[in-house]
Full PDB file with SEQRES, HELIX, SHEET, SSBOND, CRYST1, ORIGX, SCALE, CONECT and MASTER records, all heavy atoms in Angstrom:
SEQRES   1 A   33  LYS GLY ARG PHE THR ILE SER ARG ASP SER ALA LYS ASN          
SEQRES   2 A   33  THR VAL TYR LEU GLN MET ASN ASN LEU GLU PRO GLU ASP          
SEQRES   3 A   33  ALA ALA VAL TYR TYR CYS TYR                                  
HELIX    1 AA1 SER A   10  LYS A   12  5                                   3    
HELIX    2 AA2 PRO A   24  ASP A   26  5                                   3    
SHEET    1 AA1 2 PHE A   4  ASP A   9  0                                        
SHEET    2 AA1 2 THR A  14  MET A  19 -1                                        
CRYST1    1.000    1.000    1.000  90.00  90.00  90.00 P 1           1          
ORIGX1      1.000000  0.000000  0.000000        0.00000                         
ORIGX2      0.000000  1.000000  0.000000        0.00000                         
ORIGX3      0.000000  0.000000  1.000000        0.00000                         
SCALE1      1.000000  0.000000  0.000000        0.00000                         
SCALE2      0.000000  1.000000  0.000000        0.00000                         
SCALE3      0.000000  0.000000  1.000000        0.00000                         
ATOM      1  N   LYS A   1     -30.399 -61.048  -1.700  1.00  0.00           N  
ATOM      2  CA  LYS A   1     -31.470 -61.875  -1.069  1.00  0.00           C  
ATOM      3  C   LYS A   1     -31.923 -61.214   0.293  1.00  0.00           C  
ATOM      4  O   LYS A   1     -30.977 -61.167   1.134  1.00  0.00           O  
ATOM      5  CB  LYS A   1     -31.163 -63.316  -1.006  1.00  0.00           C  
ATOM      6  CG  LYS A   1     -32.471 -64.240  -0.878  1.00  0.00           C  
ATOM      7  CD  LYS A   1     -32.027 -65.672  -1.007  1.00  0.00           C  
ATOM      8  CE  LYS A   1     -31.617 -65.938  -2.463  1.00  0.00           C  
ATOM      9  NZ  LYS A   1     -31.322 -67.409  -2.577  1.00  0.00           N  
ATOM     10  N   GLY A   2     -33.153 -61.031   0.556  1.00  0.00           N  
ATOM     11  CA  GLY A   2     -33.572 -60.396   1.792  1.00  0.00           C  
ATOM     12  C   GLY A   2     -33.590 -58.886   1.834  1.00  0.00           C  
ATOM     13  O   GLY A   2     -34.232 -58.308   2.775  1.00  0.00           O  
ATOM     14  N   ARG A   3     -32.938 -58.342   0.833  1.00  0.00           N  
ATOM     15  CA  ARG A   3     -32.934 -56.742   0.775  1.00  0.00           C  
ATOM     16  C   ARG A   3     -33.774 -56.278  -0.418  1.00  0.00           C  
ATOM     17  O   ARG A   3     -34.373 -55.229  -0.288  1.00  0.00           O  
ATOM     18  CB  ARG A   3     -31.524 -56.314   0.698  1.00  0.00           C  
ATOM     19  CG  ARG A   3     -30.702 -56.697   1.952  1.00  0.00           C  
ATOM     20  CD  ARG A   3     -29.312 -56.006   1.945  1.00  0.00           C  
ATOM     21  NE  ARG A   3     -28.509 -56.386   0.748  1.00  0.00           N  
ATOM     22  CZ  ARG A   3     -28.153 -55.654  -0.182  1.00  0.00           C  
ATOM     23  NH1 ARG A   3     -28.395 -54.391  -0.057  1.00  0.00           N  
ATOM     24  NH2 ARG A   3     -27.327 -56.186  -1.166  1.00  0.00           N  
ATOM     25  N   PHE A   4     -33.741 -57.069  -1.549  1.00  0.00           N  
ATOM     26  CA  PHE A   4     -34.332 -56.557  -2.686  1.00  0.00           C  
ATOM     27  C   PHE A   4     -35.554 -57.360  -3.098  1.00  0.00           C  
ATOM     28  O   PHE A   4     -35.634 -58.604  -2.670  1.00  0.00           O  
ATOM     29  CB  PHE A   4     -33.445 -56.683  -3.946  1.00  0.00           C  
ATOM     30  CG  PHE A   4     -32.328 -55.759  -4.014  1.00  0.00           C  
ATOM     31  CD1 PHE A   4     -31.922 -54.937  -2.926  1.00  0.00           C  
ATOM     32  CD2 PHE A   4     -31.455 -55.668  -5.143  1.00  0.00           C  
ATOM     33  CE1 PHE A   4     -30.792 -54.168  -2.942  1.00  0.00           C  
ATOM     34  CE2 PHE A   4     -30.470 -54.772  -5.167  1.00  0.00           C  
ATOM     35  CZ  PHE A   4     -30.075 -54.064  -4.028  1.00  0.00           C  
ATOM     36  N   THR A   5     -36.555 -56.773  -3.684  1.00  0.00           N  
ATOM     37  CA  THR A   5     -37.856 -57.489  -3.909  1.00  0.00           C  
ATOM     38  C   THR A   5     -38.162 -57.233  -5.410  1.00  0.00           C  
ATOM     39  O   THR A   5     -38.263 -55.930  -5.793  1.00  0.00           O  
ATOM     40  CB  THR A   5     -39.004 -57.256  -3.019  1.00  0.00           C  
ATOM     41  OG1 THR A   5     -38.643 -57.586  -1.683  1.00  0.00           O  
ATOM     42  CG2 THR A   5     -40.219 -58.068  -3.447  1.00  0.00           C  
ATOM     43  N   ILE A   6     -38.390 -58.184  -6.253  1.00  0.00           N  
ATOM     44  CA  ILE A   6     -38.900 -57.954  -7.659  1.00  0.00           C  
ATOM     45  C   ILE A   6     -40.301 -58.211  -7.749  1.00  0.00           C  
ATOM     46  O   ILE A   6     -40.942 -59.179  -6.962  1.00  0.00           O  
ATOM     47  CB  ILE A   6     -38.017 -58.868  -8.561  1.00  0.00           C  
ATOM     48  CG1 ILE A   6     -38.339 -58.408 -10.116  1.00  0.00           C  
ATOM     49  CG2 ILE A   6     -38.326 -60.272  -8.441  1.00  0.00           C  
ATOM     50  CD1 ILE A   6     -37.432 -59.031 -11.088  1.00  0.00           C  
ATOM     51  N   SER A   7     -40.967 -57.411  -8.429  1.00  0.00           N  
ATOM     52  CA  SER A   7     -42.515 -57.701  -8.615  1.00  0.00           C  
ATOM     53  C   SER A   7     -42.800 -57.111 -10.006  1.00  0.00           C  
ATOM     54  O   SER A   7     -41.921 -56.643 -10.773  1.00  0.00           O  
ATOM     55  CB  SER A   7     -43.314 -56.754  -7.647  1.00  0.00           C  
ATOM     56  OG  SER A   7     -42.944 -55.323  -7.694  1.00  0.00           O  
ATOM     57  N   ARG A   8     -44.026 -57.420 -10.496  1.00  0.00           N  
ATOM     58  CA  ARG A   8     -44.439 -56.967 -11.818  1.00  0.00           C  
ATOM     59  C   ARG A   8     -45.798 -56.558 -11.845  1.00  0.00           C  
ATOM     60  O   ARG A   8     -46.659 -56.922 -10.985  1.00  0.00           O  
ATOM     61  CB  ARG A   8     -44.301 -58.364 -12.689  1.00  0.00           C  
ATOM     62  CG  ARG A   8     -45.194 -59.439 -12.222  1.00  0.00           C  
ATOM     63  CD  ARG A   8     -45.210 -60.635 -13.196  1.00  0.00           C  
ATOM     64  NE  ARG A   8     -46.080 -61.651 -12.694  1.00  0.00           N  
ATOM     65  CZ  ARG A   8     -46.276 -62.763 -13.319  1.00  0.00           C  
ATOM     66  NH1 ARG A   8     -45.707 -63.069 -14.443  1.00  0.00           N  
ATOM     67  NH2 ARG A   8     -47.121 -63.721 -12.839  1.00  0.00           N  
ATOM     68  N   ASP A   9     -46.269 -55.866 -12.855  1.00  0.00           N  
ATOM     69  CA  ASP A   9     -47.595 -55.457 -13.198  1.00  0.00           C  
ATOM     70  C   ASP A   9     -47.704 -55.995 -14.674  1.00  0.00           C  
ATOM     71  O   ASP A   9     -47.267 -55.309 -15.626  1.00  0.00           O  
ATOM     72  CB  ASP A   9     -47.795 -53.999 -13.132  1.00  0.00           C  
ATOM     73  CG  ASP A   9     -49.225 -53.673 -13.400  1.00  0.00           C  
ATOM     74  OD1 ASP A   9     -49.990 -54.409 -14.021  1.00  0.00           O  
ATOM     75  OD2 ASP A   9     -49.631 -52.505 -12.994  1.00  0.00           O  
ATOM     76  N   SER A  10     -48.229 -57.290 -14.747  1.00  0.00           N  
ATOM     77  CA  SER A  10     -48.418 -57.840 -16.067  1.00  0.00           C  
ATOM     78  C   SER A  10     -49.210 -57.102 -17.109  1.00  0.00           C  
ATOM     79  O   SER A  10     -48.884 -57.096 -18.226  1.00  0.00           O  
ATOM     80  CB  SER A  10     -48.951 -59.241 -15.825  1.00  0.00           C  
ATOM     81  OG  SER A  10     -48.094 -60.098 -15.136  1.00  0.00           O  
ATOM     82  N   ALA A  11     -50.196 -56.449 -16.588  1.00  0.00           N  
ATOM     83  CA  ALA A  11     -51.191 -55.707 -17.529  1.00  0.00           C  
ATOM     84  C   ALA A  11     -50.355 -54.519 -18.197  1.00  0.00           C  
ATOM     85  O   ALA A  11     -50.675 -54.083 -19.179  1.00  0.00           O  
ATOM     86  CB  ALA A  11     -52.343 -55.238 -16.810  1.00  0.00           C  
ATOM     87  N   LYS A  12     -49.324 -54.010 -17.481  1.00  0.00           N  
ATOM     88  CA  LYS A  12     -48.658 -52.899 -18.079  1.00  0.00           C  
ATOM     89  C   LYS A  12     -47.231 -53.398 -18.516  1.00  0.00           C  
ATOM     90  O   LYS A  12     -46.478 -52.374 -18.996  1.00  0.00           O  
ATOM     91  CB  LYS A  12     -48.460 -51.721 -17.006  1.00  0.00           C  
ATOM     92  CG  LYS A  12     -49.691 -51.126 -16.441  1.00  0.00           C  
ATOM     93  CD  LYS A  12     -49.457 -50.205 -15.361  1.00  0.00           C  
ATOM     94  CE  LYS A  12     -50.753 -49.459 -14.875  1.00  0.00           C  
ATOM     95  NZ  LYS A  12     -50.519 -48.361 -13.868  1.00  0.00           N  
ATOM     96  N   ASN A  13     -46.977 -54.608 -18.610  1.00  0.00           N  
ATOM     97  CA  ASN A  13     -45.592 -55.074 -18.953  1.00  0.00           C  
ATOM     98  C   ASN A  13     -44.462 -54.339 -18.385  1.00  0.00           C  
ATOM     99  O   ASN A  13     -43.587 -53.834 -18.880  1.00  0.00           O  
ATOM    100  CB  ASN A  13     -45.480 -54.992 -20.474  1.00  0.00           C  
ATOM    101  CG  ASN A  13     -46.410 -55.896 -21.312  1.00  0.00           C  
ATOM    102  OD1 ASN A  13     -46.622 -57.084 -20.808  1.00  0.00           O  
ATOM    103  ND2 ASN A  13     -46.843 -55.506 -22.438  1.00  0.00           N  
ATOM    104  N   THR A  14     -44.616 -54.272 -17.029  1.00  0.00           N  
ATOM    105  CA  THR A  14     -43.726 -53.402 -16.222  1.00  0.00           C  
ATOM    106  C   THR A  14     -43.248 -54.326 -15.078  1.00  0.00           C  
ATOM    107  O   THR A  14     -43.966 -55.053 -14.457  1.00  0.00           O  
ATOM    108  CB  THR A  14     -44.452 -52.147 -15.635  1.00  0.00           C  
ATOM    109  OG1 THR A  14     -44.834 -51.309 -16.683  1.00  0.00           O  
ATOM    110  CG2 THR A  14     -43.478 -51.396 -14.858  1.00  0.00           C  
ATOM    111  N   VAL A  15     -41.864 -54.219 -14.725  1.00  0.00           N  
ATOM    112  CA  VAL A  15     -41.331 -54.840 -13.756  1.00  0.00           C  
ATOM    113  C   VAL A  15     -40.620 -53.811 -12.678  1.00  0.00           C  
ATOM    114  O   VAL A  15     -40.229 -52.756 -13.219  1.00  0.00           O  
ATOM    115  CB  VAL A  15     -40.332 -55.827 -14.128  1.00  0.00           C  
ATOM    116  CG1 VAL A  15     -39.133 -55.266 -14.911  1.00  0.00           C  
ATOM    117  CG2 VAL A  15     -39.710 -56.746 -13.009  1.00  0.00           C  
ATOM    118  N   TYR A  16     -40.742 -54.069 -11.392  1.00  0.00           N  
ATOM    119  CA  TYR A  16     -40.079 -53.207 -10.465  1.00  0.00           C  
ATOM    120  C   TYR A  16     -39.063 -53.917  -9.589  1.00  0.00           C  
ATOM    121  O   TYR A  16     -39.089 -55.240  -9.509  1.00  0.00           O  
ATOM    122  CB  TYR A  16     -41.231 -52.698  -9.529  1.00  0.00           C  
ATOM    123  CG  TYR A  16     -42.331 -52.070 -10.199  1.00  0.00           C  
ATOM    124  CD1 TYR A  16     -43.558 -52.905 -10.577  1.00  0.00           C  
ATOM    125  CD2 TYR A  16     -42.421 -50.720 -10.517  1.00  0.00           C  
ATOM    126  CE1 TYR A  16     -44.637 -52.275 -11.190  1.00  0.00           C  
ATOM    127  CE2 TYR A  16     -43.550 -50.211 -11.201  1.00  0.00           C  
ATOM    128  CZ  TYR A  16     -44.582 -50.947 -11.500  1.00  0.00           C  
ATOM    129  OH  TYR A  16     -45.633 -50.423 -12.072  1.00  0.00           O  
ATOM    130  N   LEU A  17     -38.119 -53.153  -9.095  1.00  0.00           N  
ATOM    131  CA  LEU A  17     -37.167 -53.628  -8.091  1.00  0.00           C  
ATOM    132  C   LEU A  17     -37.151 -52.783  -6.932  1.00  0.00           C  
ATOM    133  O   LEU A  17     -36.677 -51.649  -7.111  1.00  0.00           O  
ATOM    134  CB  LEU A  17     -35.829 -53.756  -8.822  1.00  0.00           C  
ATOM    135  CG  LEU A  17     -34.699 -54.473  -7.915  1.00  0.00           C  
ATOM    136  CD1 LEU A  17     -35.074 -55.981  -7.761  1.00  0.00           C  
ATOM    137  CD2 LEU A  17     -33.398 -54.285  -8.587  1.00  0.00           C  
ATOM    138  N   GLN A  18     -37.590 -53.238  -5.833  1.00  0.00           N  
ATOM    139  CA  GLN A  18     -37.645 -52.444  -4.560  1.00  0.00           C  
ATOM    140  C   GLN A  18     -36.327 -52.888  -3.860  1.00  0.00           C  
ATOM    141  O   GLN A  18     -36.058 -54.066  -3.612  1.00  0.00           O  
ATOM    142  CB  GLN A  18     -38.772 -52.861  -3.634  1.00  0.00           C  
ATOM    143  CG  GLN A  18     -38.742 -52.107  -2.319  1.00  0.00           C  
ATOM    144  CD  GLN A  18     -38.863 -50.587  -2.511  1.00  0.00           C  
ATOM    145  OE1 GLN A  18     -39.754 -50.202  -3.182  1.00  0.00           O  
ATOM    146  NE2 GLN A  18     -38.029 -49.860  -1.807  1.00  0.00           N  
ATOM    147  N   MET A  19     -35.408 -51.876  -3.654  1.00  0.00           N  
ATOM    148  CA  MET A  19     -34.145 -52.012  -3.075  1.00  0.00           C  
ATOM    149  C   MET A  19     -34.087 -51.368  -1.738  1.00  0.00           C  
ATOM    150  O   MET A  19     -34.129 -50.183  -1.661  1.00  0.00           O  
ATOM    151  CB  MET A  19     -33.010 -51.533  -4.049  1.00  0.00           C  
ATOM    152  CG  MET A  19     -33.079 -52.060  -5.444  1.00  0.00           C  
ATOM    153  SD  MET A  19     -31.715 -51.561  -6.407  1.00  0.00           S  
ATOM    154  CE  MET A  19     -32.018 -49.887  -6.613  1.00  0.00           C  
ATOM    155  N   ASN A  20     -33.913 -52.071  -0.677  1.00  0.00           N  
ATOM    156  CA  ASN A  20     -33.807 -51.652   0.659  1.00  0.00           C  
ATOM    157  C   ASN A  20     -32.479 -51.971   1.275  1.00  0.00           C  
ATOM    158  O   ASN A  20     -31.839 -52.867   0.830  1.00  0.00           O  
ATOM    159  CB  ASN A  20     -34.854 -52.314   1.624  1.00  0.00           C  
ATOM    160  CG  ASN A  20     -36.375 -51.974   1.157  1.00  0.00           C  
ATOM    161  OD1 ASN A  20     -36.533 -50.872   0.679  1.00  0.00           O  
ATOM    162  ND2 ASN A  20     -37.256 -52.996   1.258  1.00  0.00           N  
ATOM    163  N   ASN A  21     -32.078 -51.205   2.264  1.00  0.00           N  
ATOM    164  CA  ASN A  21     -30.830 -51.299   2.850  1.00  0.00           C  
ATOM    165  C   ASN A  21     -29.653 -51.406   1.987  1.00  0.00           C  
ATOM    166  O   ASN A  21     -28.846 -52.317   2.132  1.00  0.00           O  
ATOM    167  CB  ASN A  21     -30.885 -52.665   3.815  1.00  0.00           C  
ATOM    168  CG  ASN A  21     -29.857 -52.715   4.884  1.00  0.00           C  
ATOM    169  OD1 ASN A  21     -29.189 -51.664   5.302  1.00  0.00           O  
ATOM    170  ND2 ASN A  21     -29.431 -53.881   5.294  1.00  0.00           N  
ATOM    171  N   LEU A  22     -29.647 -50.453   1.120  1.00  0.00           N  
ATOM    172  CA  LEU A  22     -28.636 -50.402   0.096  1.00  0.00           C  
ATOM    173  C   LEU A  22     -27.233 -50.244   0.746  1.00  0.00           C  
ATOM    174  O   LEU A  22     -27.061 -49.554   1.655  1.00  0.00           O  
ATOM    175  CB  LEU A  22     -28.848 -49.319  -0.825  1.00  0.00           C  
ATOM    176  CG  LEU A  22     -29.944 -49.679  -1.842  1.00  0.00           C  
ATOM    177  CD1 LEU A  22     -30.622 -48.333  -2.412  1.00  0.00           C  
ATOM    178  CD2 LEU A  22     -29.425 -50.492  -2.914  1.00  0.00           C  
ATOM    179  N   GLU A  23     -26.304 -50.964   0.081  1.00  0.00           N  
ATOM    180  CA  GLU A  23     -24.898 -50.941   0.445  1.00  0.00           C  
ATOM    181  C   GLU A  23     -23.986 -50.364  -0.693  1.00  0.00           C  
ATOM    182  O   GLU A  23     -24.418 -50.294  -1.812  1.00  0.00           O  
ATOM    183  CB  GLU A  23     -24.498 -52.383   0.763  1.00  0.00           C  
ATOM    184  CG  GLU A  23     -25.300 -53.093   1.758  1.00  0.00           C  
ATOM    185  CD  GLU A  23     -24.980 -54.585   1.915  1.00  0.00           C  
ATOM    186  OE1 GLU A  23     -24.205 -55.079   1.117  1.00  0.00           O  
ATOM    187  OE2 GLU A  23     -25.510 -55.285   2.830  1.00  0.00           O  
ATOM    188  N   PRO A  24     -22.841 -49.870  -0.280  1.00  0.00           N  
ATOM    189  CA  PRO A  24     -21.899 -49.271  -1.272  1.00  0.00           C  
ATOM    190  C   PRO A  24     -21.707 -50.308  -2.417  1.00  0.00           C  
ATOM    191  O   PRO A  24     -21.556 -49.927  -3.616  1.00  0.00           O  
ATOM    192  CB  PRO A  24     -20.655 -49.003  -0.531  1.00  0.00           C  
ATOM    193  CG  PRO A  24     -21.233 -48.585   0.675  1.00  0.00           C  
ATOM    194  CD  PRO A  24     -22.287 -49.511   1.057  1.00  0.00           C  
ATOM    195  N   GLU A  25     -21.665 -51.586  -2.132  1.00  0.00           N  
ATOM    196  CA  GLU A  25     -21.451 -52.617  -3.225  1.00  0.00           C  
ATOM    197  C   GLU A  25     -22.635 -52.822  -4.105  1.00  0.00           C  
ATOM    198  O   GLU A  25     -22.430 -53.473  -5.153  1.00  0.00           O  
ATOM    199  CB  GLU A  25     -21.202 -54.017  -2.394  1.00  0.00           C  
ATOM    200  CG  GLU A  25     -19.852 -54.152  -1.604  1.00  0.00           C  
ATOM    201  CD  GLU A  25     -19.987 -53.326  -0.326  1.00  0.00           C  
ATOM    202  OE1 GLU A  25     -21.075 -52.983   0.080  1.00  0.00           O  
ATOM    203  OE2 GLU A  25     -18.935 -53.023   0.271  1.00  0.00           O  
ATOM    204  N   ASP A  26     -23.788 -52.184  -3.795  1.00  0.00           N  
ATOM    205  CA  ASP A  26     -24.822 -52.227  -4.706  1.00  0.00           C  
ATOM    206  C   ASP A  26     -24.721 -51.116  -5.824  1.00  0.00           C  
ATOM    207  O   ASP A  26     -25.554 -51.261  -6.821  1.00  0.00           O  
ATOM    208  CB  ASP A  26     -26.139 -52.016  -4.027  1.00  0.00           C  
ATOM    209  CG  ASP A  26     -26.418 -53.161  -3.021  1.00  0.00           C  
ATOM    210  OD1 ASP A  26     -26.204 -54.286  -3.389  1.00  0.00           O  
ATOM    211  OD2 ASP A  26     -26.889 -52.758  -1.875  1.00  0.00           O  
ATOM    212  N   ALA A  27     -23.794 -50.308  -5.755  1.00  0.00           N  
ATOM    213  CA  ALA A  27     -23.711 -49.191  -6.781  1.00  0.00           C  
ATOM    214  C   ALA A  27     -23.273 -49.773  -8.065  1.00  0.00           C  
ATOM    215  O   ALA A  27     -22.339 -50.565  -8.128  1.00  0.00           O  
ATOM    216  CB  ALA A  27     -22.640 -48.178  -6.273  1.00  0.00           C  
ATOM    217  N   ALA A  28     -24.076 -49.474  -9.098  1.00  0.00           N  
ATOM    218  CA  ALA A  28     -23.845 -50.017 -10.440  1.00  0.00           C  
ATOM    219  C   ALA A  28     -24.802 -49.383 -11.404  1.00  0.00           C  
ATOM    220  O   ALA A  28     -25.719 -48.614 -10.943  1.00  0.00           O  
ATOM    221  CB  ALA A  28     -23.966 -51.581 -10.378  1.00  0.00           C  
ATOM    222  N   VAL A  29     -24.699 -49.676 -12.658  1.00  0.00           N  
ATOM    223  CA  VAL A  29     -25.751 -49.421 -13.676  1.00  0.00           C  
ATOM    224  C   VAL A  29     -26.659 -50.625 -13.750  1.00  0.00           C  
ATOM    225  O   VAL A  29     -26.168 -51.743 -13.944  1.00  0.00           O  
ATOM    226  CB  VAL A  29     -25.120 -49.100 -15.028  1.00  0.00           C  
ATOM    227  CG1 VAL A  29     -26.332 -48.911 -16.060  1.00  0.00           C  
ATOM    228  CG2 VAL A  29     -24.270 -47.866 -15.054  1.00  0.00           C  
ATOM    229  N   TYR A  30     -27.927 -50.419 -13.476  1.00  0.00           N  
ATOM    230  CA  TYR A  30     -28.792 -51.453 -13.452  1.00  0.00           C  
ATOM    231  C   TYR A  30     -29.492 -51.492 -14.724  1.00  0.00           C  
ATOM    232  O   TYR A  30     -30.120 -50.493 -15.205  1.00  0.00           O  
ATOM    233  CB  TYR A  30     -29.876 -51.274 -12.255  1.00  0.00           C  
ATOM    234  CG  TYR A  30     -29.314 -51.601 -10.934  1.00  0.00           C  
ATOM    235  CD1 TYR A  30     -28.265 -50.852 -10.363  1.00  0.00           C  
ATOM    236  CD2 TYR A  30     -29.770 -52.879 -10.262  1.00  0.00           C  
ATOM    237  CE1 TYR A  30     -27.768 -51.218  -9.229  1.00  0.00           C  
ATOM    238  CE2 TYR A  30     -29.283 -52.993  -9.052  1.00  0.00           C  
ATOM    239  CZ  TYR A  30     -28.242 -52.352  -8.488  1.00  0.00           C  
ATOM    240  OH  TYR A  30     -27.751 -52.678  -7.275  1.00  0.00           O  
ATOM    241  N   TYR A  31     -29.581 -52.780 -15.405  1.00  0.00           N  
ATOM    242  CA  TYR A  31     -30.171 -52.884 -16.683  1.00  0.00           C  
ATOM    243  C   TYR A  31     -31.424 -53.825 -16.602  1.00  0.00           C  
ATOM    244  O   TYR A  31     -31.341 -54.916 -16.046  1.00  0.00           O  
ATOM    245  CB  TYR A  31     -29.219 -53.631 -17.661  1.00  0.00           C  
ATOM    246  CG  TYR A  31     -28.018 -52.739 -17.961  1.00  0.00           C  
ATOM    247  CD1 TYR A  31     -26.829 -52.821 -17.244  1.00  0.00           C  
ATOM    248  CD2 TYR A  31     -28.087 -51.861 -18.996  1.00  0.00           C  
ATOM    249  CE1 TYR A  31     -25.703 -51.990 -17.522  1.00  0.00           C  
ATOM    250  CE2 TYR A  31     -26.995 -51.109 -19.385  1.00  0.00           C  
ATOM    251  CZ  TYR A  31     -25.804 -51.205 -18.539  1.00  0.00           C  
ATOM    252  OH  TYR A  31     -24.639 -50.436 -18.938  1.00  0.00           O  
ATOM    253  N   CYS A  32     -32.533 -53.355 -17.173  1.00  0.00           N  
ATOM    254  CA  CYS A  32     -33.672 -54.170 -17.308  1.00  0.00           C  
ATOM    255  C   CYS A  32     -33.590 -55.167 -18.485  1.00  0.00           C  
ATOM    256  O   CYS A  32     -33.011 -54.711 -19.503  1.00  0.00           O  
ATOM    257  CB  CYS A  32     -34.927 -53.352 -17.518  1.00  0.00           C  
ATOM    258  SG  CYS A  32     -36.476 -54.063 -17.634  1.00  0.00           S  
ATOM    259  N   TYR A  33     -34.077 -56.273 -18.340  1.00  0.00           N  
ATOM    260  CA  TYR A  33     -34.080 -57.300 -19.359  1.00  0.00           C  
ATOM    261  C   TYR A  33     -35.524 -57.857 -19.538  1.00  0.00           C  
ATOM    262  O   TYR A  33     -36.221 -58.038 -18.448  1.00  0.00           O  
ATOM    263  CB  TYR A  33     -33.022 -58.243 -19.272  1.00  0.00           C  
ATOM    264  CG  TYR A  33     -33.390 -59.477 -18.640  1.00  0.00           C  
ATOM    265  CD1 TYR A  33     -33.936 -60.551 -19.408  1.00  0.00           C  
ATOM    266  CD2 TYR A  33     -33.282 -59.665 -17.260  1.00  0.00           C  
ATOM    267  CE1 TYR A  33     -34.417 -61.829 -18.709  1.00  0.00           C  
ATOM    268  CE2 TYR A  33     -33.715 -60.803 -16.633  1.00  0.00           C  
ATOM    269  CZ  TYR A  33     -34.217 -61.824 -17.269  1.00  0.00           C  
ATOM    270  OH  TYR A  33     -34.599 -63.107 -16.777  1.00  0.00           O  
TER     271      TYR A  33                                                      
MASTER        0    0    0    2    2    0    0    6  270    1    0    3          
END                                                                             
């Protein structure tokens, strides 16, 4: 919270995740659902 922002483009059925100020603890495989 405060570092990541989720957004969408409904017309394209697309979701985005803007990730700022990344930390080593953020390292992972990210899965869209």
